[in-house]
Amino acid sequence: MDSIDCAKHKIREIIAGSRVPEDPPHAENTLKWLFRLEPKADPALQIAALAHDIERAVEARKVRREDFNEYNAFKAAHARNGAAILRAILDRCGVSKSVADEACRLVTLHEVGGDPRSDLLKNADSISFFEVNMPLYYQREGWEETRRRCSWGYRRLSVRMKKIARSITYDDQALTRLLKEAIQQACPKD
């Protein structure tokens, strides 16, 4: 097994142990969306797509939302912590320094983007939240918190991805209504 395959295998193994049930499918779906947005995504982008939320699967190192007064500060800490966890995996697997540095940089920026590559990851992660995570998030967090989280996630999407998000529907019509309400709250002109 080469170093990239080793890293992907270890990331998947760790995420499979997450207490958050949507984490494993979200990681795979984020990778799927990355390839839809950039079919020639390189190994650093692929690793970052799989590992961007890895810190949620490491209970001993997990960032707790209740420890932060501001949601964006929580998300920034989550991203930095994930990059640190990823760095150890990539070092153990012998991934080249250039690929490891870039994958960790991307994970650090996955919540905010800021350049074309990190924007790709942010968009893949964000649309995957709506496609995979939202129904289970709603079961845990309820209507108001899910609407708030969806509004936050929608605002960070690119124009292209906002169009895709507006087309998402769920078997449960209440969830579809919730998403539409969140989009309206986030961007009344959309």
Protein backbone atom coordinates (compact mmCIF):
# COMPACT_ATOMS: atom_id res chain seq x y z
CA MET A 1 0.00 0.00 0.00
CA ASP A 2 1.48 3.36 -0.96
CA SER A 3 1.53 6.36 1.40
CA ILE A 4 -1.61 8.01 -0.06
CA ASP A 5 -3.63 4.79 0.15
CA CYS A 6 -2.31 4.27 3.70
CA ALA A 7 -3.50 7.75 4.68
CA LYS A 8 -6.95 7.30 3.11
CA HIS A 9 -7.33 3.91 4.79
CA LYS A 10 -6.36 5.28 8.23
CA ILE A 11 -8.66 8.32 7.83
CA ARG A 12 -11.59 6.10 6.91
CA GLU A 13 -10.82 3.78 9.82
CA ILE A 14 -10.86 6.67 12.32
CA ILE A 15 -13.99 8.27 10.88
CA ALA A 16 -15.78 4.92 10.94
CA GLY A 17 -15.47 5.06 14.75
CA SER A 18 -17.18 8.46 15.05
CA ARG A 19 -20.11 8.77 17.42
CA VAL A 20 -21.71 11.11 14.87
CA PRO A 21 -23.56 8.70 12.54
CA GLU A 22 -23.35 10.89 9.46
CA ASP A 23 -19.56 11.37 9.64
CA PRO A 24 -18.53 8.34 7.51
CA PRO A 25 -21.05 8.97 4.70
CA HIS A 26 -20.35 12.72 4.85
CA ALA A 27 -16.61 12.14 4.33
CA GLU A 28 -17.26 9.93 1.30
CA ASN A 29 -19.92 12.29 -0.07
CA THR A 30 -17.59 15.28 0.31
CA LEU A 31 -15.00 13.37 -1.72
CA LYS A 32 -17.67 12.56 -4.31
CA TRP A 33 -18.62 16.23 -4.57
CA LEU A 34 -14.96 17.22 -4.82
CA PHE A 35 -14.60 14.98 -7.87
CA ARG A 36 -17.79 16.42 -9.37
CA LEU A 37 -16.39 19.92 -8.95
CA GLU A 38 -12.80 19.01 -9.91
CA PRO A 39 -12.51 15.62 -11.68
CA LYS A 40 -8.70 15.84 -11.61
CA ALA A 41 -8.46 16.55 -7.87
CA ASP A 42 -4.96 15.75 -6.66
CA PRO A 43 -4.09 13.59 -3.62
CA ALA A 44 -3.89 16.55 -1.20
CA LEU A 45 -7.44 17.63 -2.09
CA GLN A 46 -8.70 14.04 -1.89
CA ILE A 47 -7.15 13.50 1.53
CA ALA A 48 -8.52 16.83 2.78
CA ALA A 49 -12.02 15.97 1.54
CA LEU A 50 -12.01 12.68 3.44
CA ALA A 51 -10.38 14.10 6.59
CA HIS A 52 -11.88 17.58 6.92
CA ASP A 53 -14.09 16.58 9.91
CA ILE A 54 -11.81 13.89 11.36
CA GLU A 55 -11.50 15.64 14.70
CA ARG A 56 -15.16 14.87 15.45
CA ALA A 57 -14.24 11.16 15.47
CA VAL A 58 -11.43 11.56 18.01
CA GLU A 59 -13.37 12.00 21.25
CA ALA A 60 -10.30 12.70 23.38
CA ARG A 61 -9.36 15.67 21.16
CA LYS A 62 -12.80 16.79 19.99
CA VAL A 63 -13.53 20.52 20.06
CA ARG A 64 -16.73 21.25 22.01
CA ARG A 65 -19.10 23.89 20.71
CA GLU A 66 -20.15 24.87 24.22
CA ASP A 67 -16.56 26.03 24.88
CA PHE A 68 -16.97 28.89 22.39
CA ASN A 69 -19.13 32.01 22.51
CA GLU A 70 -19.04 32.44 18.75
CA TYR A 71 -19.89 29.78 16.14
CA ASN A 72 -17.17 30.82 13.68
CA ALA A 73 -14.52 30.61 16.43
CA PHE A 74 -15.71 27.07 17.18
CA LYS A 75 -15.52 26.14 13.50
CA ALA A 76 -11.99 27.60 13.20
CA ALA A 77 -10.82 25.58 16.22
CA HIS A 78 -12.48 22.47 14.76
CA ALA A 79 -10.57 22.98 11.49
CA ARG A 80 -7.19 23.60 13.16
CA ASN A 81 -7.63 20.57 15.40
CA GLY A 82 -8.57 18.40 12.43
CA ALA A 83 -5.44 19.50 10.58
CA ALA A 84 -3.27 18.58 13.59
CA ILE A 85 -4.85 15.11 13.80
CA LEU A 86 -4.43 14.67 10.05
CA ARG A 87 -0.75 15.72 10.20
CA ALA A 88 0.03 12.83 12.56
CA ILE A 89 -1.68 10.33 10.24
CA LEU A 90 0.12 11.64 7.16
CA ASP A 91 3.48 11.52 8.94
CA ARG A 92 2.86 7.92 10.09
CA CYS A 93 1.94 6.90 6.54
CA GLY A 94 5.01 8.59 5.04
CA VAL A 95 3.07 11.02 2.84
CA SER A 96 5.42 13.52 1.19
CA LYS A 97 5.85 16.83 3.00
CA SER A 98 4.38 18.82 0.10
CA VAL A 99 1.19 16.73 -0.06
CA ALA A 100 0.87 16.62 3.74
CA ASP A 101 1.39 20.38 4.07
CA GLU A 102 -1.23 21.10 1.42
CA ALA A 103 -3.79 18.61 2.80
CA CYS A 104 -3.42 20.10 6.29
CA ARG A 105 -3.64 23.65 4.93
CA LEU A 106 -6.86 22.73 3.14
CA VAL A 107 -8.39 21.16 6.26
CA THR A 108 -7.47 24.29 8.23
CA LEU A 109 -9.34 26.40 5.65
CA HIS A 110 -12.25 24.06 4.88
CA GLU A 111 -14.79 26.14 6.80
CA VAL A 112 -13.85 29.51 5.28
CA GLY A 113 -12.07 28.89 1.98
CA GLY A 114 -10.16 31.86 0.67
CA ASP A 115 -8.41 30.55 -2.44
CA PRO A 116 -9.58 28.36 -5.34
CA ARG A 117 -8.48 25.06 -3.77
CA SER A 118 -9.85 25.67 -0.29
CA ASP A 119 -13.03 27.07 -1.87
CA LEU A 120 -13.46 23.74 -3.71
CA LEU A 121 -13.25 21.87 -0.42
CA LYS A 122 -15.57 24.32 1.35
CA ASN A 123 -18.17 23.93 -1.41
CA ALA A 124 -17.92 20.12 -1.44
CA ASP A 125 -18.25 20.01 2.35
CA SER A 126 -21.11 22.50 2.43
CA ILE A 127 -23.26 20.85 -0.22
CA SER A 128 -22.62 17.46 1.38
CA PHE A 129 -24.02 18.82 4.65
CA PHE A 130 -27.32 19.47 2.90
CA GLU A 131 -27.30 16.19 1.00
CA VAL A 132 -26.14 13.85 3.80
CA ASN A 133 -25.94 15.47 7.23
CA MET A 134 -29.01 17.66 7.49
CA PRO A 135 -31.66 14.99 8.22
CA LEU A 136 -29.64 13.45 11.07
CA TYR A 137 -28.59 16.87 12.35
CA TYR A 138 -32.28 17.79 12.54
CA GLN A 139 -33.08 14.64 14.54
CA ARG A 140 -30.41 15.61 17.11
CA GLU A 141 -30.75 19.39 17.17
CA GLY A 142 -34.35 20.24 16.24
CA TRP A 143 -35.92 22.81 13.93
CA GLU A 144 -34.44 26.11 15.12
CA GLU A 145 -30.84 24.96 15.44
CA THR A 146 -31.01 23.14 12.10
CA ARG A 147 -32.45 26.21 10.39
CA ARG A 148 -29.65 28.33 11.88
CA ARG A 149 -26.99 25.82 10.77
CA CYS A 150 -28.49 25.54 7.28
CA SER A 151 -28.60 29.33 6.90
CA TRP A 152 -24.96 29.56 7.96
CA GLY A 153 -23.99 26.79 5.54
CA TYR A 154 -25.96 28.25 2.65
CA ARG A 155 -24.35 31.67 3.01
CA ARG A 156 -20.89 30.17 2.58
CA LEU A 157 -21.72 28.42 -0.70
CA SER A 158 -20.61 29.73 -4.08
CA VAL A 159 -23.31 30.99 -6.46
CA ARG A 160 -23.14 27.71 -8.40
CA MET A 161 -23.52 25.61 -5.26
CA LYS A 162 -26.37 27.78 -3.95
CA LYS A 163 -28.30 26.85 -7.07
CA ILE A 164 -27.70 23.16 -6.34
CA ALA A 165 -28.71 23.60 -2.69
CA ARG A 166 -31.98 25.26 -3.74
CA SER A 167 -32.82 22.15 -5.78
CA ILE A 168 -32.35 19.68 -2.90
CA THR A 169 -35.47 17.97 -1.63
CA TYR A 170 -36.00 15.28 0.98
CA ASP A 171 -38.50 12.45 1.29
CA ASP A 172 -39.69 14.16 4.47
CA GLN A 173 -41.46 17.30 3.22
CA ALA A 174 -40.89 19.01 6.58
CA LEU A 175 -37.13 18.86 5.95
CA THR A 176 -37.58 20.33 2.47
CA ARG A 177 -39.65 23.13 4.00
CA LEU A 178 -36.98 23.67 6.67
CA LEU A 179 -34.24 23.97 4.06
CA LYS A 180 -36.29 26.43 1.98
CA GLU A 181 -36.97 28.49 5.10
CA ALA A 182 -33.28 28.50 6.02
CA ILE A 183 -32.32 29.62 2.52
CA GLN A 184 -34.89 32.41 2.64
CA GLN A 185 -33.57 33.50 6.03
CA ALA A 186 -29.94 33.40 4.83
CA CYS A 187 -30.44 35.22 1.53
CA PRO A 188 -33.94 36.65 1.02
CA LYS A 189 -33.12 37.52 -2.63
CA ASP A 190 -32.20 33.93 -3.53
